[in-house]
Amino acid sequence: MEIKHLDIKITGKVQGVSFRAVTKVVADQMGIRGMIRNEKDGSVYIEAEGDDTLLEVFMEWCNEGTDRSKIENVTSIPGVVKNYQDFEIIKK
């Protein structure tokens, strides 16, 4: 099973709506490892690691978001695997 890394940027109403907390729960349930943080421009940045199938399902979830969020755009680019041990919320 090959682990891949994605750098994901999500724009829309994704701050102040518990988006990071819910994303962590979803990632933990799926076995996705990585991190999530709010950006100054109002977007959310995620680094996610998992196999192709897991990342595909996780990306689908990122495009749907939470009940209170409003997703406008989701972009992802492959990155170098960093071997995260879990999924954490980075608070600045």
Protein backbone atom coordinates (compact mmCIF):
# COMPACT_ATOMS: atom_id res chain seq x y z
CA MET A 1 0.00 0.00 0.00
CA GLU A 2 1.63 3.19 -1.19
CA ILE A 3 1.15 6.28 0.93
CA LYS A 4 0.65 9.55 -0.94
CA HIS A 5 0.72 13.16 0.24
CA LEU A 6 -1.65 15.95 -0.80
CA ASP A 7 -1.44 19.67 -0.07
CA ILE A 8 -5.06 20.84 -0.06
CA LYS A 9 -6.41 24.39 0.00
CA ILE A 10 -10.09 25.01 0.67
CA THR A 11 -11.73 28.39 0.19
CA GLY A 12 -15.21 29.56 1.17
CA LYS A 13 -16.86 29.82 4.57
CA VAL A 14 -14.50 27.43 6.35
CA GLN A 15 -13.38 29.42 9.39
CA GLY A 16 -15.47 29.88 12.51
CA VAL A 17 -17.72 26.92 11.60
CA SER A 18 -15.85 24.09 13.41
CA PHE A 19 -14.41 22.99 10.06
CA ARG A 20 -10.99 22.02 11.46
CA ALA A 21 -12.45 20.05 14.37
CA VAL A 22 -14.87 18.10 12.17
CA THR A 23 -12.16 17.50 9.55
CA LYS A 24 -9.96 15.99 12.26
CA VAL A 25 -12.74 13.61 13.33
CA VAL A 26 -13.32 12.57 9.70
CA ALA A 27 -9.58 12.13 9.06
CA ASP A 28 -9.16 10.08 12.25
CA GLN A 29 -12.08 7.83 11.28
CA MET A 30 -10.66 7.34 7.77
CA GLY A 31 -7.09 6.78 8.90
CA ILE A 32 -5.85 9.92 7.14
CA ARG A 33 -2.76 11.48 8.70
CA GLY A 34 -1.54 15.05 8.41
CA MET A 35 -2.54 18.49 9.61
CA ILE A 36 -5.01 21.32 9.12
CA ARG A 37 -4.71 25.03 9.83
CA ASN A 38 -6.53 28.30 9.15
CA GLU A 39 -4.80 30.72 6.80
CA LYS A 40 -4.79 34.51 7.07
CA ASP A 41 -6.76 34.83 3.82
CA GLY A 42 -9.74 32.97 5.32
CA SER A 43 -8.97 29.65 3.65
CA VAL A 44 -8.01 26.35 5.26
CA TYR A 45 -4.79 24.48 4.44
CA ILE A 46 -4.56 20.71 4.86
CA GLU A 47 -1.72 18.27 4.43
CA ALA A 48 -3.18 14.78 4.09
CA GLU A 49 -1.45 11.41 3.80
CA GLY A 50 -2.99 8.06 2.96
CA ASP A 51 -3.38 5.62 0.10
CA ASP A 52 -5.15 6.56 -3.16
CA THR A 53 -8.53 5.23 -2.06
CA LEU A 54 -8.47 6.99 1.32
CA LEU A 55 -7.33 10.28 -0.20
CA GLU A 56 -10.03 10.08 -2.87
CA VAL A 57 -12.77 9.65 -0.23
CA PHE A 58 -11.20 12.38 1.93
CA MET A 59 -11.15 14.78 -1.05
CA GLU A 60 -14.83 14.05 -1.68
CA TRP A 61 -15.51 14.97 1.94
CA CYS A 62 -13.44 18.17 1.61
CA ASN A 63 -15.62 19.18 -1.35
CA GLU A 64 -18.80 18.65 0.70
CA GLY A 65 -17.59 20.09 4.00
CA THR A 66 -19.63 20.42 7.18
CA ASP A 67 -23.24 21.49 7.67
CA ARG A 68 -22.20 25.02 8.61
CA SER A 69 -19.41 25.50 6.08
CA LYS A 70 -19.79 26.68 2.50
CA ILE A 71 -17.11 25.29 0.20
CA GLU A 72 -16.25 27.46 -2.79
CA ASN A 73 -13.09 25.86 -4.13
CA VAL A 74 -10.85 22.90 -3.31
CA THR A 75 -7.42 22.52 -4.88
CA SER A 76 -4.90 19.79 -4.23
CA ILE A 77 -1.35 19.15 -5.38
CA PRO A 78 0.78 16.08 -4.67
CA GLY A 79 3.61 16.64 -2.22
CA VAL A 80 6.44 14.80 -0.51
CA VAL A 81 5.33 12.26 2.10
CA LYS A 82 6.23 13.50 5.59
CA ASN A 83 5.11 10.37 7.47
CA TYR A 84 2.72 12.07 9.86
CA GLN A 85 1.82 9.90 12.86
CA ASP A 86 -1.69 11.30 13.27
CA PHE A 87 -3.92 14.16 12.12
CA GLU A 88 -3.55 17.36 14.07
CA ILE A 89 -5.06 20.82 14.19
CA ILE A 90 -2.39 23.51 14.03
CA LYS A 91 -3.46 26.57 16.02
CA LYS A 92 -1.49 29.71 15.27
